[in-house]
Amino acid sequence: MEMATCSFHSSSFTLPNPNFNPRTNLSSPLPLSKQLFGFSLPSSSTAKTTTLKLRTRNPKPFSTHPSIKCSVSEATEAATAERRRKLMRRSDIRNIAIVAHVDHGKTTLVDAMLRQSKVFRDNQFVQERIMDSNDIERERGITILSKNTSITYKDSKINIIDTPGHSDFGGEVERILNMVEGILLVVDSVEGPMPQTRFVLKKALEFGHAVVVVVNKIDRPSARPDFVINSTFELFIELNATDEQCDFQAIYASGIKGKAGLSADNLADDLGPLFESIMRCIPGPAIDKDGSLQMLATNIEYDEHKGRIAIGRLHAGILKKGMDVKVCTSEDSCRFARVSELFVYEKFSRVPAESVEAGDICAVCGINDIQIGETIADKTNGTPLPAIKVEEPTVKMAFSINTSPFVGREGKYVTSRNLRDRLSRELERNLAMKVEDGETADTFVVSGRGTLHITILIENMRREGYEFMVGPPKVINKRVNDKLLEPYEIATVEVPEEHMGAVVELLGKRRGQMFDMQGVGSEGTTFLKYKIPTRGLLGLRNAILTASRGTAILNTIFDSYGPWAGDMSTRDLGSLVAFEGGTSTSYAISSSQERGQLFIGPGVEVYKGQIVGIHQRPGDLSLNVCKKKAATNIRSNKDVTVILDTPLDYSLDDCIEYIQEDELVEVTPSSIRMCKNPKFSKKSNR
């Protein structure tokens, strides 16, 4: 493989436009510094003439490749130069977070980095997406909780944190950015920057972190790396990044193949270019080695034997096993504790350590009441670090005890006290969630960043043996200057052209306003961008899949609060409600299925008020699905062959999207049912 090297001298080669300004002139596909194999060239303000000489040479290991100059690191250092006069840099550690939109390949890229750094034995079986260790994460194919690991590259330790990609779990990403000095921004080579890409990049730039852009899935047939780099560059400008931050390092990679390179058509045989960019472009942690101990608890884990484990980065001083420390929430609120055990991350596990120096990420045991955002400080001279702030929730749901006739049959924890204790424990770890008392003593209002955020909590509680009911999701409105404001979100939809009309009509009914539309690749796909009230997104996912025959992809992220958009209808059809309890029969279902689509088959126990199907018309319809065929001496007892439709199989997410104001979802470890809320008067069919 022939490699190209760049050397620069000030002589005859003149730039086409010495006064090029990337903020105003976007006609060029990319700043010159990004066109030349990902190298950063001197800007026009410092060198008006530049000579470029290319020569080929024999291939060498990546360690002998020319130096990658990263102005992001220099800018970050310049921005906080005054503070860093007192601090020193650790060159043997890098702390990075891998952030991206959902399904852009973060976890797969981490897998390849772990394999190539020899974390696992050659003969060791390693499952795919090794970082997604949670059962729900594996079932859904998404990352929900951030996780730590580390690798060793050239005698340096790289702490890697894999983060969630869904906007509903943005609180995890916001917390993690407190622990790192730089991020790998992973972007799909076809889709380019997506809503969550914008969110995490905005937060990283606010922290002043160095950014390395990784264009992943470069081996896709319809990959368009130039467009992706241009779009990412424009995103930096939209987020008011400095000129130096806009001069980011670009790496092209295929996470599933474990390859990376400085140009899209010339990948190395491994991820060497990526590792080298991390070492050169992301600075080591700035520490005060001789200062007073300071460590911010950024994450909390629980172990049955060790109790609560606080995870965070040591900002200053040295932390030792058995050390007496002070735990601070503010200047006036401190308590004393002792560190019983100390761990650091090595490869794919936690390893006991006697002491940890500033700059490293560690796990601390022995402080049983520590909370996220508290500071572990020196016993005598310690001062707290700034608390972690996350954005406010936008959606709320009501949790209450199960009041159905089937209460207590399947669940282990059914009382309001059990429910209150479990929700309180969730608040300790989930900073983006809030819990308030409801209208009654056995009702709790849970607020989160989105429907998925709360649904994951419901699913976890169900698997732990809890039995309860949840109401429909509602948006959290604000009133400012006597004006009612509601949350708006940016929705992006990828849909084939033949289904675009139905999707546009659907979004229009929900008060969505289109502000961008473009074709994507050569696959006949259209990319739509909408600003839409969060109310309009409730129940939208299934409706869009139905309208596009399962081909549309919907992504959303919170944008801002705006004026109330007016009334809207999110569901046109009513429900089929059982007016008698018992066991469903084939005889009754055969006649009931003419009224709509059913959720149940024969032989299923139902109770009065349970929702058993979707009515084919507006308004609810009560029917009897337990009716048995009369058997007398006049009628024939011969069984008639009955053809039954396959019942709809609704998941927990589907049920929560389906229900309306007067309906509830009954959640138990074994079943998920829907019923009418007895507090509301029954709606009769017109």
Foldseek 3Di string as FASTA:
>chain_A
DKDKAKDKDFDDAFDPDLPDDVLPDLVPLDPPCLVPLLAGDDHSVVHGGMDIDIDIDDDDPPVPGDDGDALLVVVLCVVCVVVLVLWDFDLQEAEEEEAEAWPLQQLLLVVQVLVVLPLDDPPDDADGSNVQPDPVCVVVVWHQAKDWAWGHDPNHIYIYIYDTRAQQNVVRLLLSLQFGQAYEYRAEQFPAHDPSSLVSVLSNVVVSHAYAYEHEPLVDPQGDNSNNLSVVLVSCVVSVHDPSNSSHGYKYYYSNQQWIGSDSVDIDNHCSVVVSCSSRGGTAAIANAPDWWKWAQSFWDQDPPQAIKGKTFTRYYKDFAQDKWWKDQAPVDIDIWTFHWKWFHHSHDTDTDGMDTGRGIIITTTPNPDFHQIMTIHHPPGHYDGGRDDDEFWKKKKKFFDDDPCPPVFFDAGALVSVVVLVVVVVRGRVRKDWDDDPDNGMIMITGNAPVSVLVVLVVCQQVRYWIKMFAMDTDWDADPNFIKHWKKKKKKKAAPVLVVLLVVLQVLQVWDWDDWDDTGPPRIIITITIGTSVSVQLVVVVSCVSRVNGMDMGMHTDGIDGDRDDGDNDFWAFEFEQAWDFFALVLQLVVCVQFAFQDDGGDTDHGFWTGGIGPGHFYHYGHRRDDDDDDPVDDPDDDDGDHDDHDHADSSNVSSPDDRQKMWIRHNVDITIGGRPVDDGIGDD
